[in-house]
Each structure stands twice: as C-alpha cells, then as structure tokens.
Amino acid sequence: MAAPGGARRQPLILLLLAGLVHSASAVFMVTDGNGTACIMANFSASFLTNYNTKSGPKNVTFDLPSNAKVLSNSSCGKENASDPRLVIAFGKGHTLTLNFKRNATRYSVPMMSFIYDLSDTQIFPDASSKEPKTVESITDIVADINKKYRCVSGNQIHMNNVTVTFHDATIQAYLSNNNFSKEETRCEQDGPSPTVPPPPPHPSPLPPHPSPSPAPEIPSVHKYNVNGTNGTCLLASMGLQLNITYEKKDNTTMRGVFNINPNKTHVSGSCTAQLVTLELWTDSFALLVFQFGMNASSSRFFLQGIQLNATLPDAKDPTFKAANSSLRALQATMGNSYKCNTEEHIQVTEAFSVNIFQVWVQAFQVEGNKFGSVEECQLDENNMLIPIAVGGALAGLVLIVLIAYLIGRKRSHAGYQTI
C-alpha cells in the first residue's frame, strides 16, 4: 500500500528535482584530416551574463543548447606551430572556445574565450549595444596525458561580466585511441570531503613553521613579447621568482623559491581588445600565466591576473595550482610603459606569490615595438626621495655651520675695534 500523503508529496519532489536539472549535455568532437578524433568533450554549461540596457544593467542566464555545434575552425593543432582548439557555436553568433596546451606529462585549458552577440534579442532583450563582445579567462581544467578530465561538480569560470558553469564535464585532448580513456583525472571540486581525525591520546605539538628552501640567485631578466593580428600587444622585460608554500610527503611545511629560467621556457600568449595574456611554459615544472586588463574610463592598463599550474615532486600532493584574477598591479597609462627597478612582491594567494625584478612592461598600445614614455613605480620614487632628503639635510647642516661661522667671525672682529 502506498504511504499516506504520497500523492501530495510528488509535486514537491518534482519541484526539488527540477532545481537540480541542468541543460542537456552534448558531445563535441574535433577530428583531423583522416577523421581521427583529437579532442572530445561531453558537458552541459550555463552562462550568467551582465549587460547594459537603456534602463540600466541587467543579468541574464541561459544554457548551452543541445543543438550547439563544433565549428570548422576547431583544430587538432600542429606540432611547434599551433595548439588544439575546440570552438563551439550556438544561437545567433555566440561561440565558446577552449584552447589546449600540453607538456611532457599533462595537458590543460590555459585559456577559454566566449564571444556573445548582443544583437540576439532572444537572449539579450533591450540591450543598449548590438555589437559582439569578447571575454576570456584562464581555467583550472588540467589532466594527465592519456587520461580524461572528469568533473561532476559545477566548475565556474569567471570572465569579467560573464560566468560559465560546466556541469558533469568529461573532456580530453591529445586522444590516443579515438575515444575517451578509461583512466581519469578528477577536478578539485570533486575531491573527497575532509574527514575529522580521531583525537590523539596526548596533546599534539604545534605545527612547525615552514622551513625555507635555500634562496636561489636573483633570476635572469628576459624580454617577453606577445604578438597578435594587429601587431605587438605586450612588451615585458623582467626577472621572475616564484614563492610556493606546500606540504611535503613527510608532513612538514616547505617554502620553495623557484627562478624562471628564460632559456628553458616556452613563451606564447594572445591579444584581444580587452585582455592581453602572456603564457610561460617551463621545461621543469610549471605553466605561469599573466593577464593584463584595461580600464577604458581611466585609459590605464594593469596586471589583473596570475595563474600557476606546477608539479612539485616532493610535495604530498604533487599538483599545485593557484590563481587570482582580481589583481591591480603594474599600472600605467595606455601608450606609456610601467617601470620598476626595485623588486616587486605580488601576493597571488596565501600559498603563492611572485617576486618581479627590474620590470618594464607595456600592454595593449605598443607603437613601433618600442616602450613608450616611462611611468616610474612608487618604490623607485621613494628610493629617490631618501638620497634627496639626506642631501637636503646635509646642505641645511652646512648652511647652519656657515652662518654660525660668519656670525662668530663678525663678533670677533667687533672686539678689536679702535676707541
């Protein structure tokens, strides 16, 4: 017999289930000229977008439709020439692009971009602009080679005024058998919930302070350029040093300091109207990404994001990831360059920071592949004030001594006047 009240509970259960239902997932595949798959992706996605209307800002939420398709400009890439790319189109001119890269052991989606067309009145009613908009961001999508990336939980990617949320995602690039691998790399969001250990029989000692690693030498200063279809969009000259705090296999905490060796680093990047990206792939252990944004109203550019994906062999968890997309560093007026001879320290997360040595950078508007007028950093200006202040104090002291000497001399002459 059915439990009493079952009929009344059914609508409530359906309502709760409806809140858990996402857009239907779809399978996307990129193949090479021989029809062999190199990229496969199966996920559903939702978009939260803020756009301007005549009555003010408005938020809209929409899903990736089941009839979304893979565009022909998707690519398997060419070795030492281009990287694999998955381009998904839907609606009236909207495209989602996942760009892939790899090293010896892992592949990732270091950059994802989304183009949305505000002339689509079904999604963006009453939009004050009817032009396409482009946003992009770094992602934390990463997996071991010959394994699929798997993430059941919602994974949010924030791109300025757009947030893309992937649900129940399975993604793999650099396929070896024309299908998803059986083995998988799970995302952090799917990680096991922390368990509370049983209380120890005796009070536990306080955890030791992180032990610092021997400080390496000052890193080599190197020039990094990023070029786009319209020419150079980034000039940067700097030395880079990474500070990473992590837990070792013996449960001790370590502060590692690592220099970026320019001679063992592959440089790439991208240019858009609103975002300039510099990607540094080191042969040893890491992908380091710098993102420069701009403020159109103040006509200034700035470092807005840093991402690190690193492998630490002696760590308890060898995979170290950190990202921050809300920085405001290395700022200068558009068309000018930012320069700082003093070492700059940028705290990205609690466990990761970057030391930048002798930085000279210019983003977006670069004329003739040369740095523009220099805007000195506050640290250099402060350092200049110290010798100026000391020199002023010494000059003042000399002046006081001179005046005292002249007064004393005048009084001494006054004592020998003839009566």
Protein backbone atom coordinates (compact mmCIF):
# COMPACT_ATOMS: atom_id res chain seq x y z
CA MET A 1 0.00 0.00 0.00
CA ALA A 2 1.21 3.45 -0.78
CA ALA A 3 2.14 5.59 2.15
CA PRO A 4 -0.50 8.13 3.12
CA GLY A 5 0.17 11.55 1.65
CA GLY A 6 2.34 10.17 -1.18
CA ALA A 7 0.26 11.91 -3.82
CA ARG A 8 0.72 15.23 -2.10
CA ARG A 9 4.50 14.79 -1.80
CA GLN A 10 5.03 14.06 -5.50
CA PRO A 11 4.76 17.67 -6.78
CA LEU A 12 7.17 18.80 -4.07
CA ILE A 13 9.68 16.10 -5.05
CA LEU A 14 9.40 17.04 -8.72
CA LEU A 15 9.96 20.68 -7.83
CA LEU A 16 13.12 19.83 -5.90
CA LEU A 17 14.39 17.67 -8.73
CA ALA A 18 13.72 20.44 -11.23
CA GLY A 19 16.10 22.68 -9.31
CA LEU A 20 18.86 20.12 -9.80
CA VAL A 21 18.39 19.66 -13.54
CA HIS A 22 20.91 21.42 -15.78
CA SER A 23 20.85 21.88 -19.52
CA ALA A 24 21.17 18.70 -21.55
CA SER A 25 24.76 17.61 -22.07
CA ALA A 26 26.20 17.33 -25.56
CA VAL A 27 29.20 15.55 -27.06
CA PHE A 28 31.64 17.65 -29.08
CA MET A 29 34.43 16.15 -31.19
CA VAL A 30 37.32 17.56 -33.23
CA THR A 31 38.94 15.33 -35.85
CA ASP A 32 42.00 15.64 -38.07
CA GLY A 33 42.16 15.27 -41.85
CA ASN A 34 42.00 11.47 -41.53
CA GLY A 35 38.86 11.56 -39.40
CA THR A 36 40.73 10.61 -36.22
CA ALA A 37 39.44 12.30 -33.08
CA CYS A 38 41.94 14.51 -31.22
CA ILE A 39 39.53 16.31 -28.86
CA MET A 40 36.35 15.01 -27.23
CA ALA A 41 34.14 16.86 -24.75
CA ASN A 42 30.87 15.95 -23.09
CA PHE A 43 29.32 18.53 -20.77
CA SER A 44 26.44 20.86 -20.13
CA ALA A 45 27.07 24.55 -19.50
CA SER A 46 25.16 27.55 -18.22
CA PHE A 47 26.01 31.23 -18.72
CA LEU A 48 25.37 34.16 -16.38
CA THR A 49 25.92 37.44 -18.23
CA ASN A 50 25.60 41.05 -17.14
CA TYR A 51 24.87 43.54 -19.92
CA ASN A 52 23.67 47.12 -20.26
CA THR A 53 20.17 48.17 -21.24
CA LYS A 54 18.64 51.63 -21.59
CA SER A 55 17.17 51.22 -18.11
CA GLY A 56 20.45 50.07 -16.56
CA PRO A 57 22.50 46.85 -16.07
CA LYS A 58 20.67 43.54 -16.34
CA ASN A 59 21.59 39.91 -15.60
CA VAL A 60 20.54 37.07 -17.87
CA THR A 61 21.05 33.32 -17.52
CA PHE A 62 20.97 30.90 -20.44
CA ASP A 63 22.14 27.36 -21.19
CA LEU A 64 24.29 25.84 -23.89
CA PRO A 65 21.62 24.35 -26.18
CA SER A 66 21.65 20.72 -27.26
CA ASN A 67 21.96 21.78 -30.92
CA ALA A 68 25.26 23.60 -30.35
CA LYS A 69 27.82 22.54 -32.96
CA VAL A 70 31.56 22.34 -33.48
CA LEU A 71 32.84 24.94 -35.94
CA SER A 72 35.25 24.15 -38.75
CA ASN A 73 37.91 26.46 -37.31
CA SER A 74 38.36 23.96 -34.49
CA SER A 75 41.72 22.28 -34.90
CA CYS A 76 43.90 19.40 -33.77
CA GLY A 77 46.88 21.76 -33.94
CA LYS A 78 50.28 21.28 -35.49
CA GLU A 79 53.41 20.43 -33.55
CA ASN A 80 55.59 23.50 -32.87
CA ALA A 81 53.14 25.62 -34.87
CA SER A 82 49.66 25.73 -33.30
CA ASP A 83 47.74 24.18 -30.41
CA PRO A 84 44.48 22.19 -30.42
CA ARG A 85 41.30 24.24 -30.20
CA LEU A 86 37.62 23.39 -29.68
CA VAL A 87 35.21 26.07 -30.95
CA ILE A 88 31.51 25.58 -30.14
CA ALA A 89 28.84 27.77 -31.77
CA PHE A 90 25.22 28.28 -30.75
CA GLY A 91 22.39 30.78 -31.08
CA LYS A 92 22.90 33.90 -33.15
CA GLY A 93 26.65 34.35 -33.27
CA HIS A 94 27.76 33.03 -29.84
CA THR A 95 30.96 30.94 -29.66
CA LEU A 96 32.76 29.23 -26.77
CA THR A 97 36.43 28.36 -27.39
CA LEU A 98 38.65 26.03 -25.37
CA ASN A 99 42.37 26.30 -26.17
CA PHE A 100 44.55 23.32 -25.18
CA LYS A 101 48.24 23.02 -24.37
CA ARG A 102 50.43 20.20 -23.13
CA ASN A 103 53.83 19.42 -21.69
CA ALA A 104 55.55 16.06 -21.14
CA THR A 105 53.06 14.84 -18.54
CA ARG A 106 49.91 16.96 -18.57
CA TYR A 107 47.51 18.88 -20.80
CA SER A 108 45.27 21.78 -19.84
CA VAL A 109 42.91 24.50 -21.00
CA PRO A 110 45.00 27.54 -20.02
CA MET A 111 42.66 29.90 -21.84
CA MET A 112 38.94 29.90 -22.60
CA SER A 113 37.12 32.63 -24.50
CA PHE A 114 33.47 33.45 -25.09
CA ILE A 115 32.05 35.68 -27.83
CA TYR A 116 28.43 36.74 -27.37
CA ASP A 117 26.39 38.89 -29.73
CA LEU A 118 24.18 41.47 -28.03
CA SER A 119 22.05 41.75 -31.18
CA ASP A 120 20.46 38.42 -30.19
CA THR A 121 17.23 39.87 -28.77
CA GLN A 122 16.01 36.47 -27.54
CA ILE A 123 18.85 36.27 -25.02
CA PHE A 124 19.67 39.98 -24.61
CA PRO A 125 16.39 41.94 -24.85
CA ASP A 126 16.67 45.74 -24.83
CA ALA A 127 20.49 45.66 -24.98
CA SER A 128 21.82 49.19 -25.45
CA SER A 129 24.60 47.85 -27.69
CA LYS A 130 24.14 45.50 -30.62
CA GLU A 131 27.78 44.54 -31.05
CA PRO A 132 29.62 41.27 -30.32
CA LYS A 133 31.56 41.19 -27.05
CA THR A 134 34.60 39.03 -26.23
CA VAL A 135 35.68 37.86 -22.78
CA GLU A 136 38.29 35.30 -21.81
CA SER A 137 39.95 33.84 -18.76
CA ILE A 138 42.41 31.26 -17.53
CA THR A 139 40.88 27.98 -16.30
CA ASP A 140 41.79 25.22 -13.87
CA ILE A 141 40.97 22.44 -16.35
CA VAL A 142 44.03 20.15 -16.29
CA ALA A 143 44.60 16.40 -16.58
CA ASP A 144 47.34 13.85 -17.06
CA ILE A 145 48.27 12.84 -20.60
CA ASN A 146 46.22 9.82 -21.80
CA LYS A 147 43.60 10.47 -19.11
CA LYS A 148 40.27 12.23 -19.39
CA TYR A 149 39.42 15.27 -17.28
CA ARG A 150 36.34 14.47 -15.18
CA CYS A 151 34.33 16.92 -13.09
CA VAL A 152 30.82 16.05 -11.92
CA SER A 153 30.54 19.12 -9.70
CA GLY A 154 29.84 22.55 -11.08
CA ASN A 155 33.04 24.29 -12.21
CA GLN A 156 32.72 28.06 -12.58
CA ILE A 157 34.94 30.08 -14.90
CA HIS A 158 34.71 33.85 -14.33
CA MET A 159 35.33 36.06 -17.35
CA ASN A 160 34.76 39.72 -16.47
CA ASN A 161 30.97 40.14 -16.64
CA VAL A 162 30.32 36.52 -17.72
CA THR A 163 30.39 33.38 -15.58
CA VAL A 164 30.35 30.00 -17.33
CA THR A 165 29.48 26.96 -15.21
CA PHE A 166 30.30 23.47 -16.51
CA HIS A 167 28.28 20.54 -15.17
CA ASP A 168 29.13 16.83 -15.37
CA ALA A 169 32.11 17.53 -17.64
CA THR A 170 34.28 14.96 -19.41
CA ILE A 171 37.00 16.48 -21.57
CA GLN A 172 40.06 15.00 -23.22
CA ALA A 173 42.58 16.30 -25.75
CA TYR A 174 45.51 14.56 -27.46
CA LEU A 175 43.46 11.35 -27.74
CA SER A 176 45.40 8.15 -28.38
CA ASN A 177 42.60 5.70 -29.22
CA ASN A 178 39.86 7.80 -30.86
CA ASN A 179 37.77 7.73 -27.67
CA PHE A 180 37.77 8.78 -24.02
CA SER A 181 40.35 7.00 -21.91
CA LYS A 182 39.18 4.74 -19.11
CA GLU A 183 41.53 6.41 -16.64
CA GLU A 184 40.66 9.90 -15.44
CA THR A 185 41.94 12.91 -13.58
CA ARG A 186 39.30 14.30 -11.23
CA CYS A 187 38.85 18.02 -10.67
CA GLU A 188 39.44 19.61 -7.30
CA GLN A 189 35.71 20.28 -6.92
CA ASP A 190 35.08 16.52 -6.86
CA GLY A 191 37.74 15.92 -4.20
CA PRO A 192 36.74 13.95 -1.09
CA SER A 193 35.31 15.90 1.82
CA PRO A 194 37.81 16.31 4.62
CA THR A 195 37.31 13.91 7.50
CA VAL A 196 37.87 14.80 11.12
CA PRO A 197 40.65 12.60 12.54
CA PRO A 198 40.14 10.95 15.92
CA PRO A 199 41.55 12.94 18.84
CA PRO A 200 45.12 11.95 19.77
CA PRO A 201 45.78 10.34 23.15
CA HIS A 202 48.11 13.20 24.06
CA PRO A 203 48.08 16.89 23.13
CA SER A 204 49.59 17.38 19.69
CA PRO A 205 52.56 19.71 19.38
CA LEU A 206 52.10 22.93 17.46
CA PRO A 207 52.77 22.55 13.73
CA PRO A 208 56.28 23.61 12.77
CA HIS A 209 56.85 26.84 10.88
CA PRO A 210 57.50 26.35 7.18
CA SER A 211 61.15 25.61 6.56
CA PRO A 212 62.54 27.87 3.84
CA SER A 213 64.46 26.40 0.94
CA PRO A 214 67.90 27.88 0.16
CA ALA A 215 67.26 31.17 -1.61
CA PRO A 216 68.35 30.99 -5.27
CA GLU A 217 70.19 33.76 -7.03
CA ILE A 218 68.37 36.74 -8.48
CA PRO A 219 66.59 35.50 -11.63
CA SER A 220 67.77 36.49 -15.09
CA VAL A 221 65.96 39.42 -16.67
CA HIS A 222 64.46 38.50 -20.03
CA LYS A 223 62.30 40.21 -22.64
CA TYR A 224 58.91 38.62 -23.38
CA ASN A 225 56.78 39.75 -26.34
CA VAL A 226 53.22 38.82 -27.31
CA ASN A 227 52.06 39.48 -30.87
CA GLY A 228 48.57 39.44 -32.34
CA THR A 229 46.98 40.00 -35.71
CA ASN A 230 47.40 43.77 -35.31
CA GLY A 231 51.00 43.63 -34.15
CA THR A 232 52.63 43.60 -30.73
CA CYS A 233 50.25 43.90 -27.78
CA LEU A 234 52.74 43.24 -24.95
CA LEU A 235 56.34 44.18 -24.26
CA ALA A 236 57.74 42.91 -20.98
CA SER A 237 61.26 42.77 -19.58
CA MET A 238 61.60 41.21 -16.14
CA GLY A 239 63.10 38.53 -13.93
CA LEU A 240 60.63 36.15 -12.26
CA GLN A 241 60.85 34.25 -8.99
CA LEU A 242 58.09 32.05 -7.54
CA ASN A 243 57.43 31.54 -3.83
CA ILE A 244 55.36 28.42 -3.09
CA THR A 245 54.35 27.10 0.33
CA TYR A 246 53.37 23.43 0.30
CA GLU A 247 53.21 20.32 2.46
CA LYS A 248 55.90 17.69 1.85
CA LYS A 249 55.43 13.93 1.91
CA ASP A 250 56.76 13.78 5.49
CA ASN A 251 54.01 16.28 6.54
CA THR A 252 56.44 19.15 7.05
CA THR A 253 55.69 22.52 5.50
CA MET A 254 58.11 23.86 2.92
CA ARG A 255 58.62 27.30 1.43
CA GLY A 256 60.05 26.75 -2.03
CA VAL A 257 61.67 29.53 -4.04
CA PHE A 258 62.00 28.88 -7.79
CA ASN A 259 63.50 31.05 -10.51
CA ILE A 260 62.06 31.10 -14.03
CA ASN A 261 64.91 30.25 -16.40
CA PRO A 262 64.24 32.06 -19.71
CA ASN A 263 66.46 29.63 -21.60
CA LYS A 264 64.19 26.74 -20.59
CA THR A 265 60.86 28.50 -21.04
CA HIS A 266 58.46 28.45 -23.99
CA VAL A 267 56.62 31.75 -24.50
CA SER A 268 53.16 32.17 -26.00
CA GLY A 269 50.13 34.39 -25.49
CA SER A 270 47.15 36.10 -27.04
CA CYS A 271 45.79 39.58 -27.75
CA THR A 272 42.20 40.79 -27.57
CA ALA A 273 40.68 44.22 -27.28
CA GLN A 274 40.23 43.88 -23.52
CA LEU A 275 42.74 41.25 -22.41
CA VAL A 276 46.41 40.51 -23.08
CA THR A 277 47.74 37.13 -21.97
CA LEU A 278 51.35 36.01 -21.51
CA GLU A 279 51.92 32.26 -21.05
CA LEU A 280 55.25 30.88 -19.85
CA TRP A 281 55.77 27.12 -20.07
CA THR A 282 58.85 25.94 -18.20
CA ASP A 283 60.52 22.66 -19.13
CA SER A 284 60.90 21.75 -15.48
CA PHE A 285 57.57 22.03 -13.71
CA ALA A 286 55.16 24.86 -14.38
CA LEU A 287 52.78 26.90 -16.51
CA LEU A 288 52.77 30.54 -15.43
CA VAL A 289 50.13 32.88 -16.91
CA PHE A 290 49.95 36.68 -16.67
CA GLN A 291 46.79 38.53 -17.71
CA PHE A 292 46.70 42.27 -18.35
CA GLY A 293 43.41 44.13 -18.38
CA MET A 294 42.46 47.73 -19.05
CA ASN A 295 40.15 50.39 -17.68
CA ALA A 296 38.66 52.25 -20.62
CA SER A 297 37.33 55.12 -18.49
CA SER A 298 40.73 55.91 -16.94
CA SER A 299 42.75 54.77 -20.00
CA ARG A 300 45.06 52.63 -17.87
CA PHE A 301 46.33 49.07 -18.17
CA PHE A 302 47.25 46.81 -15.26
CA LEU A 303 48.18 43.26 -14.31
CA GLN A 304 44.83 41.74 -13.32
CA GLY A 305 45.52 38.01 -13.11
CA ILE A 306 48.21 35.44 -12.40
CA GLN A 307 47.78 31.67 -12.65
CA LEU A 308 50.23 28.90 -11.79
CA ASN A 309 49.94 25.19 -12.56
CA ALA A 310 53.00 23.43 -11.14
CA THR A 311 54.27 19.95 -10.37
CA LEU A 312 56.21 19.56 -7.12
CA PRO A 313 57.74 16.05 -6.94
CA ASP A 314 58.48 16.19 -3.18
CA ALA A 315 55.02 17.50 -2.23
CA LYS A 316 52.35 15.41 -0.55
CA ASP A 317 50.08 16.49 -3.42
CA PRO A 318 52.43 16.96 -6.40
CA THR A 319 49.89 19.11 -8.26
CA PHE A 320 49.97 22.73 -7.15
CA LYS A 321 47.50 25.23 -8.60
CA ALA A 322 46.90 28.87 -7.70
CA ALA A 323 45.09 31.72 -9.42
CA ASN A 324 43.93 35.26 -8.76
CA SER A 325 42.09 37.33 -11.36
CA SER A 326 41.41 40.43 -9.24
CA LEU A 327 44.88 41.95 -9.01
CA ARG A 328 45.68 45.62 -9.66
CA ALA A 329 49.45 45.74 -10.17
CA LEU A 330 51.96 47.21 -12.67
CA GLN A 331 49.59 50.03 -13.66
CA ALA A 332 50.30 52.73 -16.23
CA THR A 333 48.52 54.98 -18.72
CA MET A 334 47.69 53.45 -22.08
CA GLY A 335 50.51 54.15 -24.52
CA ASN A 336 53.02 54.53 -21.68
CA SER A 337 55.16 51.86 -20.02
CA TYR A 338 55.48 50.85 -16.38
CA LYS A 339 59.00 50.50 -14.98
CA CYS A 340 60.32 49.49 -11.59
CA ASN A 341 63.97 48.76 -10.79
CA THR A 342 63.09 47.83 -7.22
CA GLU A 343 61.98 44.24 -6.59
CA GLU A 344 58.17 43.96 -6.53
CA HIS A 345 56.33 41.34 -4.49
CA ILE A 346 52.86 40.29 -5.69
CA GLN A 347 50.82 38.06 -3.35
CA VAL A 348 48.62 35.86 -5.53
CA THR A 349 47.20 33.51 -2.88
CA GLU A 350 48.11 32.68 0.69
CA ALA A 351 50.43 29.92 -0.54
CA PHE A 352 51.81 31.56 -3.69
CA SER A 353 53.49 34.85 -4.55
CA VAL A 354 55.71 36.21 -7.30
CA ASN A 355 58.84 38.36 -6.99
CA ILE A 356 59.39 40.50 -10.09
CA PHE A 357 62.83 42.01 -10.68
CA GLN A 358 63.60 45.07 -12.84
CA VAL A 359 60.20 45.01 -14.51
CA TRP A 360 59.46 47.13 -17.58
CA VAL A 361 56.12 46.40 -19.19
CA GLN A 362 53.63 47.88 -21.64
CA ALA A 363 50.33 46.30 -22.71
CA PHE A 364 47.76 46.94 -25.46
CA GLN A 365 49.02 50.10 -27.22
CA VAL A 366 52.59 49.41 -28.35
CA GLU A 367 53.96 51.62 -31.11
CA GLY A 368 56.90 50.52 -33.25
CA ASN A 369 57.68 47.57 -30.99
CA LYS A 370 59.24 50.01 -28.50
CA PHE A 371 58.42 51.01 -24.94
CA GLY A 372 56.55 54.30 -24.57
CA SER A 373 57.07 57.05 -22.02
CA VAL A 374 58.06 55.63 -18.64
CA GLU A 375 55.91 55.82 -15.51
CA GLU A 376 58.13 55.02 -12.52
CA CYS A 377 56.82 52.84 -9.70
CA GLN A 378 56.22 54.29 -6.23
CA LEU A 379 59.01 52.15 -4.79
CA ASP A 380 61.59 53.76 -7.10
CA GLU A 381 60.23 57.22 -6.31
CA ASN A 382 60.51 56.51 -2.59
CA ASN A 383 64.07 55.29 -3.06
CA MET A 384 64.87 58.52 -4.89
CA LEU A 385 63.40 60.58 -2.05
CA ILE A 386 65.81 59.09 0.51
CA PRO A 387 69.05 60.45 -1.03
CA ILE A 388 67.29 63.72 -1.83
CA ALA A 389 66.19 64.06 1.79
CA VAL A 390 69.66 63.12 3.07
CA GLY A 391 71.29 65.57 0.65
CA GLY A 392 68.86 68.31 1.71
CA ALA A 393 69.60 67.66 5.38
CA LEU A 394 73.35 67.78 4.78
CA ALA A 395 73.00 71.00 2.78
CA GLY A 396 70.95 72.50 5.58
CA LEU A 397 73.56 71.45 8.14
CA VAL A 398 76.37 73.00 6.07
CA LEU A 399 74.35 76.21 5.76
CA ILE A 400 73.80 76.40 9.52
CA VAL A 401 77.51 75.85 10.20
CA LEU A 402 78.42 78.52 7.64
CA ILE A 403 76.02 81.07 9.16
CA ALA A 404 77.30 80.28 12.65
CA TYR A 405 80.86 80.75 11.43
CA LEU A 406 80.09 84.14 9.83
CA ILE A 407 78.29 85.37 12.94
CA GLY A 408 81.17 84.24 15.14
CA ARG A 409 83.69 85.91 12.89
CA LYS A 410 81.76 89.20 12.90
CA ARG A 411 81.63 89.21 16.70
CA SER A 412 85.35 88.51 16.96
CA HIS A 413 86.16 91.49 14.72
CA ALA A 414 83.85 93.70 16.79
CA GLY A 415 86.01 93.03 19.89
CA TYR A 416 89.13 94.66 18.31
CA GLN A 417 87.60 98.00 17.25
CA THR A 418 89.74 101.21 17.93
CA ILE A 419 88.46 103.52 20.67
